[in-house]
Amino acid sequence: MIQVHEPPKSPLPVRDGVAPSYIWLQKGSWPTILDFLNQRFPEVGSTVWLGRLDRGDVVDESGQVLTCSSPYFWGRRIFYYREIELETPVPFKENILFRDAHLLVVDKPHFLPVIPTGRFLHETLLVRLKDQLKLDALTPIHRLDRETAGVMIFSLNRQTRGAYQSLFQQRSVRKKYQALARHLNNYAGPFVYQSRLVPGTPFFRMQEMAGTPNSETAIALLEQQGNVCRYQLEPLTGRKHQLRVHMAALGIPILNDAFYPAALPCKGDDFSQPLKLLSQSIQFVDPLTGLDRCFESDMKLLY
C-alpha cells in the first residue's frame, strides 16, 4: 500500500507534468546555497545546479529566486525542478479506463514507473497524465511495480482522497492479477499459498524465511498452452513483490521475471521481454456512494 502525504504548498507551478521537489535546509555553516547543494547532491554536479540557479529554478518558501551567491540559511525549505538528462522514452502508452470527479483509472503499460524515481521522471505514468490532462492534484492511491502492467487508480480530489486511501489501508479492496508461468506439477485446483516475507538481498528484493506467515496469495490455473499456463493470482495481503516471490517459491517463476528466483543483470532500456504479470481488476465498495465498483484491464498477456 502506498502512503500518500500531501506535499507542502510550492511557490513553483507544476511544469510539463513535473511537480517541484523540495528539501529542508539543515543546520550548518555552508557559505552559500550552492555550496550546500553541491555537497548534499554530489551526483548532480555543480554545473547542473549553476544552470538551475541561473534560470531561476530554485526558490525559497516565499518564491524568492535564489542565485549562486545567495547565502545559506537553515531551518527552511527550498524548491527546485528535478531534471534528468537523456531520459529514454518508454515506447508504450497508457489507456484511460474511467474518470469521474474523484477517480482516474488507467491501464498502465509494462516498463513505465508510476511515480518519478531514479532515472525516470517524465517517463512515468503520473507525470505523463499530469502533463496530458493538466491535473496538478493527481495522486496515486496504491502501488504497481514498474514491471507490472494493468489497472492503476489515481485520486483527483483532495477532499475525498482519504476515503479511497483507507480502502487499501483496511484491505477492503479485492485485486486480481493474471500471470504466465510454467505448469505447476501436481496442481489439484485453486489453493492459497502462505509464507513469511522479509526484505532480502540485494535491497530491492524480498525473501521468504521461517516464521509466522505474513503473506497470502490465492492461486488458480485458468488455462494452459503447452507447458505455459495462465494463472489468476489474488493477493490476500499486500507485501512488496508478493506474487513474484510466491510463484518463484513454487518453482514456477513468472515468465521474464528478472528479480526472482535470482536477480539477473540489469537489462537497461531493453523493452523486448516484459514481465508476464497483469493487474487484471480492482473491486471495492465505493465509500462515497456505497455502490460496488469493479475496474478491469483491457490488456491481455500474450503467450
Protein backbone atom coordinates (compact mmCIF):
# COMPACT_ATOMS: atom_id res chain seq x y z
CA MET A 1 0.00 0.00 0.00
CA ILE A 2 1.31 3.42 -0.89
CA GLN A 3 1.28 6.04 1.83
CA VAL A 4 0.38 9.38 0.30
CA HIS A 5 1.20 12.60 2.12
CA GLU A 6 0.25 15.99 0.82
CA PRO A 7 3.41 17.91 -0.17
CA PRO A 8 3.89 21.43 1.14
CA LYS A 9 2.41 24.19 -0.97
CA SER A 10 5.02 25.13 -3.52
CA PRO A 11 5.74 28.63 -4.86
CA LEU A 12 6.70 26.96 -8.16
CA PRO A 13 3.99 25.62 -10.51
CA VAL A 14 3.83 22.13 -11.99
CA ARG A 15 5.87 22.24 -15.21
CA ASP A 16 5.34 19.73 -18.03
CA GLY A 17 3.66 17.45 -15.52
CA VAL A 18 6.59 17.61 -13.07
CA ALA A 19 5.84 18.90 -9.58
CA PRO A 20 8.69 20.80 -7.91
CA SER A 21 10.87 18.93 -5.46
CA TYR A 22 11.83 20.42 -2.13
CA ILE A 23 14.38 19.97 0.63
CA TRP A 24 14.68 21.18 4.20
CA LEU A 25 17.87 23.13 4.82
CA GLN A 26 19.63 21.50 7.75
CA LYS A 27 21.68 23.28 10.38
CA GLY A 28 25.15 24.02 9.05
CA SER A 29 27.64 26.66 8.04
CA TRP A 30 27.83 26.50 4.25
CA PRO A 31 28.71 29.93 2.79
CA THR A 32 26.10 29.77 0.03
CA ILE A 33 23.09 27.77 -1.08
CA LEU A 34 25.21 26.48 -3.96
CA ASP A 35 27.86 25.13 -1.59
CA PHE A 36 25.17 23.23 0.32
CA LEU A 37 23.56 21.80 -2.82
CA ASN A 38 26.89 20.64 -4.21
CA GLN A 39 27.68 18.78 -1.00
CA ARG A 40 24.16 17.43 -0.48
CA PHE A 41 23.78 16.20 -4.09
CA PRO A 42 27.30 15.39 -5.35
CA GLU A 43 25.88 13.14 -8.08
CA VAL A 44 24.06 16.09 -9.66
CA GLY A 45 27.17 18.21 -10.16
CA SER A 46 27.92 21.90 -9.77
CA THR A 47 27.30 22.70 -13.45
CA VAL A 48 23.70 21.45 -13.24
CA TRP A 49 22.98 23.41 -10.06
CA LEU A 50 24.52 26.54 -11.56
CA GLY A 51 22.21 26.18 -14.54
CA ARG A 52 19.14 25.77 -12.36
CA LEU A 53 20.08 28.78 -10.25
CA ASP A 54 20.82 30.92 -13.32
CA ARG A 55 17.40 30.04 -14.79
CA GLY A 56 15.58 30.98 -11.59
CA ASP A 57 14.51 27.36 -10.98
CA VAL A 58 15.49 27.35 -7.30
CA VAL A 59 13.39 29.44 -4.89
CA ASP A 60 12.71 29.73 -1.18
CA GLU A 61 9.32 29.23 0.53
CA SER A 62 8.20 32.76 -0.33
CA GLY A 63 9.06 32.35 -4.01
CA GLN A 64 12.22 34.45 -3.81
CA VAL A 65 14.60 33.36 -6.57
CA LEU A 66 17.92 32.13 -5.24
CA THR A 67 21.23 32.64 -7.04
CA CYS A 68 24.66 31.06 -6.88
CA SER A 69 25.72 33.72 -4.38
CA SER A 70 22.64 33.53 -2.11
CA PRO A 71 23.80 32.96 1.49
CA TYR A 72 22.86 29.71 3.18
CA PHE A 73 20.02 29.78 5.71
CA TRP A 74 18.91 26.75 7.71
CA GLY A 75 15.53 25.67 9.07
CA ARG A 76 13.51 26.46 5.94
CA ARG A 77 12.73 24.79 2.61
CA ILE A 78 13.85 25.47 -0.90
CA PHE A 79 12.05 24.29 -4.02
CA TYR A 80 13.51 23.26 -7.36
CA TYR A 81 12.74 21.29 -10.51
CA ARG A 82 14.33 17.88 -10.79
CA GLU A 83 15.90 17.14 -14.18
CA ILE A 84 17.20 14.02 -15.89
CA GLU A 85 19.40 14.20 -18.96
CA LEU A 86 18.91 11.75 -21.83
CA GLU A 87 15.85 10.04 -20.36
CA THR A 88 14.95 7.07 -22.56
CA PRO A 89 11.34 7.14 -23.83
CA VAL A 90 9.20 4.18 -22.79
CA PRO A 91 7.59 3.13 -26.11
CA PHE A 92 4.23 2.06 -24.67
CA LYS A 93 1.15 4.15 -23.97
CA GLU A 94 -1.26 4.21 -21.08
CA ASN A 95 -5.02 3.95 -21.65
CA ILE A 96 -7.68 5.74 -19.58
CA LEU A 97 -10.40 3.31 -18.45
CA PHE A 98 -12.58 5.57 -16.27
CA ARG A 99 -12.81 9.10 -14.92
CA ASP A 100 -15.22 10.94 -12.66
CA ALA A 101 -14.89 13.82 -10.18
CA HIS A 102 -12.92 11.66 -7.73
CA LEU A 103 -11.03 8.89 -9.53
CA LEU A 104 -8.97 8.33 -12.65
CA VAL A 105 -8.45 4.68 -13.59
CA VAL A 106 -5.73 3.83 -16.12
CA ASP A 107 -4.23 0.79 -17.81
CA LYS A 108 -0.50 1.13 -17.13
CA PRO A 109 1.85 -0.43 -19.69
CA HIS A 110 4.82 -2.60 -18.77
CA PHE A 111 8.14 -0.82 -18.05
CA LEU A 112 6.51 2.51 -17.09
CA PRO A 113 7.01 3.53 -13.42
CA VAL A 114 4.01 5.03 -11.65
CA ILE A 115 5.91 7.88 -9.96
CA PRO A 116 9.28 9.58 -10.57
CA THR A 117 12.15 7.54 -9.21
CA GLY A 118 15.81 7.02 -10.01
CA ARG A 119 16.44 7.56 -13.73
CA PHE A 120 12.74 8.06 -14.54
CA LEU A 121 11.00 11.43 -14.40
CA HIS A 122 8.98 12.42 -17.48
CA GLU A 123 8.68 8.75 -18.47
CA THR A 124 6.41 7.92 -15.55
CA LEU A 125 2.67 7.41 -15.50
CA LEU A 126 1.98 10.22 -13.03
CA VAL A 127 3.97 12.86 -14.92
CA ARG A 128 2.56 11.78 -18.29
CA LEU A 129 -1.02 12.08 -17.01
CA LYS A 130 -0.43 15.39 -15.25
CA ASP A 131 1.06 16.83 -18.41
CA GLN A 132 -1.58 15.46 -20.79
CA LEU A 133 -4.66 16.12 -18.65
CA LYS A 134 -3.44 19.20 -16.72
CA LEU A 135 -4.39 17.59 -13.41
CA ASP A 136 -1.96 19.02 -10.87
CA ALA A 137 -3.73 17.32 -7.91
CA LEU A 138 -3.46 13.82 -9.41
CA THR A 139 -2.13 11.32 -6.86
CA PRO A 140 -1.76 7.51 -6.97
CA ILE A 141 -3.55 5.71 -4.14
CA HIS A 142 -1.82 2.32 -4.40
CA ARG A 143 1.34 0.73 -5.79
CA LEU A 144 2.09 -1.07 -9.04
CA ASP A 145 5.61 -2.16 -9.93
CA ARG A 146 7.30 -0.70 -12.99
CA GLU A 147 7.50 -4.19 -14.49
CA THR A 148 3.78 -4.92 -13.98
CA ALA A 149 1.04 -3.72 -16.33
CA GLY A 150 -2.66 -3.16 -15.77
CA VAL A 151 -5.20 -1.32 -13.64
CA MET A 152 -3.90 1.67 -11.67
CA ILE A 153 -6.12 4.07 -9.70
CA PHE A 154 -5.43 7.76 -9.04
CA SER A 155 -7.23 10.30 -6.87
CA LEU A 156 -8.38 13.53 -8.50
CA ASN A 157 -9.93 15.17 -5.46
CA ARG A 158 -8.01 16.12 -2.32
CA GLN A 159 -11.21 16.24 -0.26
CA THR A 160 -12.20 12.62 -0.98
CA ARG A 161 -8.72 11.11 -1.34
CA GLY A 162 -8.56 9.83 2.22
CA ALA A 163 -11.79 7.85 1.85
CA TYR A 164 -10.33 5.88 -1.08
CA GLN A 165 -6.90 5.53 0.51
CA SER A 166 -8.50 3.95 3.57
CA LEU A 167 -9.89 1.14 1.40
CA PHE A 168 -6.35 -0.02 0.66
CA GLN A 169 -5.18 0.56 4.23
CA GLN A 170 -8.04 -1.57 5.57
CA ARG A 171 -7.63 -4.25 2.86
CA SER A 172 -11.16 -3.61 1.64
CA VAL A 173 -10.07 -3.85 -1.99
CA ARG A 174 -10.12 -7.08 -4.00
CA LYS A 175 -7.33 -7.23 -6.58
CA LYS A 176 -6.92 -9.93 -9.18
CA TYR A 177 -3.86 -10.44 -11.35
CA GLN A 178 -3.03 -12.72 -14.24
CA ALA A 179 0.40 -14.25 -14.78
CA LEU A 180 2.03 -16.57 -17.28
CA ALA A 181 4.31 -19.28 -15.91
CA ARG A 182 5.17 -22.94 -16.38
CA HIS A 183 2.72 -25.66 -15.36
CA LEU A 184 2.72 -26.45 -11.66
CA ASN A 185 3.33 -30.14 -11.05
CA ASN A 186 0.59 -31.92 -9.11
CA TYR A 187 -1.76 -28.95 -9.40
CA ALA A 188 -5.10 -30.10 -7.96
CA GLY A 189 -7.20 -26.95 -8.04
CA PRO A 190 -7.25 -23.47 -6.54
CA PHE A 191 -5.23 -23.09 -3.33
CA VAL A 192 -3.77 -20.43 -1.03
CA TYR A 193 -0.01 -20.11 -0.63
CA GLN A 194 1.33 -18.58 2.59
CA SER A 195 4.81 -17.56 3.71
CA ARG A 196 6.73 -15.03 5.75
CA LEU A 197 8.27 -12.29 3.58
CA VAL A 198 11.10 -10.02 4.75
CA PRO A 199 13.50 -7.64 2.98
CA GLY A 200 16.18 -9.55 1.11
CA THR A 201 19.47 -9.08 -0.72
CA PRO A 202 20.03 -7.06 -2.85
CA PHE A 203 17.93 -4.33 -1.24
CA PHE A 204 15.25 -4.34 -3.94
CA ARG A 205 14.32 -8.00 -3.41
CA MET A 206 12.15 -9.77 -0.85
CA GLN A 207 12.79 -13.23 0.54
CA GLU A 208 10.97 -15.95 2.45
CA MET A 209 12.04 -17.01 5.91
CA ALA A 210 10.78 -19.33 8.62
CA GLY A 211 8.15 -17.95 10.96
CA THR A 212 4.53 -16.93 11.13
CA PRO A 213 3.22 -16.23 7.61
CA ASN A 214 2.57 -12.57 6.82
CA SER A 215 1.61 -13.01 3.16
CA GLU A 216 -1.12 -14.97 1.39
CA THR A 217 -1.91 -15.45 -2.30
CA ALA A 218 -4.86 -17.33 -3.78
CA ILE A 219 -3.73 -19.15 -6.95
CA ALA A 220 -5.89 -20.70 -9.68
CA LEU A 221 -4.99 -22.12 -13.08
CA LEU A 222 -7.13 -20.55 -15.82
CA GLU A 223 -5.79 -22.19 -18.99
CA GLN A 224 -2.79 -23.97 -20.45
CA GLN A 225 -0.98 -23.82 -23.79
CA GLY A 226 1.77 -26.39 -23.98
CA ASN A 227 3.85 -26.07 -20.82
CA VAL A 228 2.85 -22.44 -20.21
CA CYS A 229 -0.19 -21.64 -18.10
CA ARG A 230 -2.28 -18.58 -17.37
CA TYR A 231 -2.82 -18.21 -13.64
CA GLN A 232 -5.14 -15.99 -11.66
CA LEU A 233 -3.38 -14.58 -8.62
CA GLU A 234 -5.30 -12.84 -5.85
CA PRO A 235 -3.15 -11.24 -3.15
CA LEU A 236 -4.91 -11.57 0.20
CA THR A 237 -2.16 -9.44 1.75
CA GLY A 238 -0.11 -6.63 0.25
CA ARG A 239 3.59 -7.38 0.67
CA LYS A 240 6.16 -5.99 -1.77
CA HIS A 241 6.74 -8.36 -4.73
CA GLN A 242 4.45 -10.89 -3.04
CA LEU A 243 3.11 -12.51 -6.22
CA ARG A 244 6.54 -12.77 -7.79
CA VAL A 245 8.14 -14.32 -4.70
CA HIS A 246 5.32 -16.81 -4.19
CA MET A 247 5.34 -18.03 -7.77
CA ALA A 248 9.12 -18.42 -7.72
CA ALA A 249 8.93 -20.31 -4.41
CA LEU A 250 6.51 -22.76 -6.01
CA GLY A 251 9.09 -23.44 -8.73
CA ILE A 252 7.12 -21.63 -11.43
CA PRO A 253 8.52 -18.08 -11.57
CA ILE A 254 6.52 -15.62 -13.67
CA LEU A 255 7.89 -15.54 -17.19
CA ASN A 256 10.56 -12.87 -17.81
CA ASP A 257 10.98 -12.11 -14.09
CA ALA A 258 14.44 -10.54 -13.73
CA PHE A 259 14.32 -10.48 -9.90
CA TYR A 260 13.06 -13.94 -8.90
CA PRO A 261 14.20 -16.59 -8.24
CA ALA A 262 17.54 -14.83 -8.88
CA ALA A 263 18.40 -11.22 -9.68
CA LEU A 264 19.61 -11.02 -13.27
CA PRO A 265 21.90 -8.29 -14.70
CA CYS A 266 20.07 -5.03 -15.40
CA LYS A 267 18.58 -5.02 -18.89
CA GLY A 268 18.70 -1.23 -19.08
CA ASP A 269 16.40 0.02 -21.82
CA ASP A 270 15.64 -3.40 -23.32
CA PHE A 271 11.85 -3.50 -23.71
CA SER A 272 11.69 -6.85 -25.50
CA GLN A 273 10.78 -9.14 -22.57
CA PRO A 274 8.04 -7.70 -20.35
CA LEU A 275 7.22 -9.43 -17.09
CA LYS A 276 4.17 -11.57 -17.73
CA LEU A 277 2.16 -10.11 -14.87
CA LEU A 278 -1.00 -8.05 -15.28
CA SER A 279 -3.18 -6.23 -12.75
CA GLN A 280 -6.43 -7.57 -14.18
CA SER A 281 -9.05 -5.97 -11.94
CA ILE A 282 -9.68 -3.95 -8.79
CA GLN A 283 -13.01 -4.21 -6.98
CA PHE A 284 -14.38 -2.39 -3.93
CA VAL A 285 -17.46 -0.79 -2.40
CA ASP A 286 -17.34 2.92 -3.13
CA PRO A 287 -17.01 4.79 0.20
CA LEU A 288 -18.96 7.76 -1.14
CA THR A 289 -21.92 6.01 -2.79
CA GLY A 290 -21.98 2.52 -1.28
CA LEU A 291 -22.05 1.02 -4.80
CA ASP A 292 -19.92 -1.88 -5.98
CA ARG A 293 -17.13 -0.73 -8.30
CA CYS A 294 -15.03 -3.01 -10.47
CA PHE A 295 -12.41 -1.76 -12.90
CA GLU A 296 -10.99 -4.27 -15.39
CA SER A 297 -7.97 -4.03 -17.67
CA ASP A 298 -8.36 -4.01 -21.44
CA MET A 299 -4.92 -5.58 -21.79
CA LYS A 300 -4.14 -9.27 -22.23
CA LEU A 301 -0.96 -11.21 -21.57
CA LEU A 302 0.25 -12.89 -24.75
CA TYR A 303 1.91 -16.28 -24.77
